[in-house]
Amino acid sequence: MKVWMTTLVLACTLAAGHSYAGAQQEKMKTCNADAKTKDLKGDERKKFMSECLSAKTEEPAKPVKQQDKMKTCNADAKTKDLKGDERKKFMSECLSAK
């Protein structure tokens, strides 16, 4: 019985940790995309990223909205300086990724 309870507690702990890490990773992607969209550099970017990442979320982590995904994919395509068919292919793959 003790082994079963220990296993259950460990599994719950790992699941909660994974959920938190995923939410933080999504927050980092969104903040990066916003900073790129605003074309922030240097100290201005550091300040924005710090504020963005430390902002409290009032709701539990939700799936990424299509609009947020579009911002992130656009920023990544811009960073990679993709044009034409390469950009279309990248955007298609980026937007269809889960």
Protein backbone atom coordinates (compact mmCIF):
# COMPACT_ATOMS: atom_id res chain seq x y z
CA MET A 1 0.00 0.00 0.00
CA LYS A 2 2.83 2.43 0.83
CA VAL A 3 4.52 1.73 -2.49
CA TRP A 4 1.28 2.39 -4.36
CA MET A 5 0.70 5.71 -2.53
CA THR A 6 4.30 6.79 -3.09
CA THR A 7 3.99 6.01 -6.79
CA LEU A 8 0.72 7.94 -7.01
CA VAL A 9 2.17 11.00 -5.26
CA LEU A 10 5.27 10.91 -7.48
CA ALA A 11 3.18 10.65 -10.64
CA CYS A 12 1.01 13.61 -9.60
CA THR A 13 4.08 15.68 -8.76
CA LEU A 14 5.69 14.97 -12.13
CA ALA A 15 2.49 15.76 -14.00
CA ALA A 16 2.11 19.09 -12.20
CA GLY A 17 5.76 19.99 -12.86
CA HIS A 18 5.42 19.18 -16.55
CA SER A 19 2.31 21.36 -16.83
CA TYR A 20 4.10 24.28 -15.20
CA ALA A 21 7.15 23.91 -17.46
CA GLY A 22 4.93 23.87 -20.54
CA ALA A 23 3.10 27.00 -19.41
CA GLN A 24 6.38 28.82 -18.75
CA GLN A 25 7.74 27.77 -22.13
CA GLU A 26 4.62 29.09 -23.87
CA LYS A 27 4.89 32.33 -21.90
CA MET A 28 8.52 32.70 -23.02
CA LYS A 29 7.53 32.14 -26.67
CA THR A 30 4.76 34.71 -26.44
CA CYS A 31 6.95 37.30 -24.72
CA ASN A 32 9.71 36.77 -27.29
CA ALA A 33 7.26 37.14 -30.17
CA ASP A 34 5.85 40.34 -28.65
CA ALA A 35 9.35 41.77 -28.15
CA LYS A 36 10.25 40.96 -31.77
CA THR A 37 7.02 42.47 -33.05
CA LYS A 38 7.74 45.65 -31.10
CA ASP A 39 11.35 45.55 -32.41
CA LEU A 40 12.81 46.03 -28.92
CA LYS A 41 16.58 45.99 -28.41
CA GLY A 42 19.05 46.15 -25.54
CA ASP A 43 17.92 47.37 -22.13
CA GLU A 44 14.44 48.13 -23.43
CA ARG A 45 14.03 44.47 -24.47
CA LYS A 46 15.44 43.19 -21.16
CA LYS A 47 12.98 45.32 -19.21
CA PHE A 48 10.05 44.23 -21.38
CA MET A 49 10.98 40.53 -21.11
CA SER A 50 11.38 40.78 -17.35
CA GLU A 51 7.98 42.40 -16.94
CA CYS A 52 6.31 40.06 -19.41
CA LEU A 53 7.71 36.88 -17.84
CA SER A 54 6.98 37.97 -14.28
CA ALA A 55 3.39 38.99 -15.04
CA LYS A 56 0.93 36.87 -13.11
CA THR A 57 -1.60 34.90 -15.08
CA GLU A 58 -5.05 34.96 -13.57
CA GLU A 59 -6.25 31.82 -15.31
CA PRO A 60 -4.72 28.37 -15.55
CA ALA A 61 -2.70 27.69 -18.68
CA LYS A 62 -4.92 27.49 -21.74
CA PRO A 63 -4.12 26.10 -25.15
CA VAL A 64 -2.25 28.56 -27.34
CA LYS A 65 -4.64 30.76 -29.30
CA GLN A 66 -4.27 30.78 -33.07
CA GLN A 67 -3.53 34.52 -32.95
CA ASP A 68 -0.67 33.98 -30.50
CA LYS A 69 0.64 31.14 -32.63
CA MET A 70 0.55 33.43 -35.67
CA LYS A 71 2.54 36.12 -33.82
CA THR A 72 5.19 33.60 -32.78
CA CYS A 73 5.46 32.03 -36.23
CA ASN A 74 5.66 35.44 -37.93
CA ALA A 75 8.38 36.59 -35.55
CA ASP A 76 10.35 33.39 -36.12
CA ALA A 77 10.00 33.70 -39.92
CA LYS A 78 11.17 37.33 -39.71
CA THR A 79 14.14 36.36 -37.55
CA LYS A 80 15.11 33.67 -40.08
CA ASP A 81 14.62 36.21 -42.89
CA LEU A 82 12.42 33.81 -44.87
CA LYS A 83 10.80 34.96 -48.10
CA GLY A 84 8.45 33.55 -50.73
CA ASP A 85 7.89 29.81 -50.87
CA GLU A 86 10.29 29.15 -47.98
CA ARG A 87 8.23 31.45 -45.76
CA LYS A 88 4.94 29.86 -46.86
CA LYS A 89 6.25 26.39 -46.10
CA PHE A 90 7.66 27.46 -42.72
CA MET A 91 4.44 29.23 -41.73
CA SER A 92 2.33 26.25 -42.72
CA GLU A 93 4.44 23.86 -40.66
CA CYS A 94 4.71 26.27 -37.73
CA LEU A 95 0.96 26.95 -37.55
CA SER A 96 0.03 23.28 -37.85
CA ALA A 97 2.43 22.21 -35.06
CA LYS A 98 0.77 21.46 -31.74
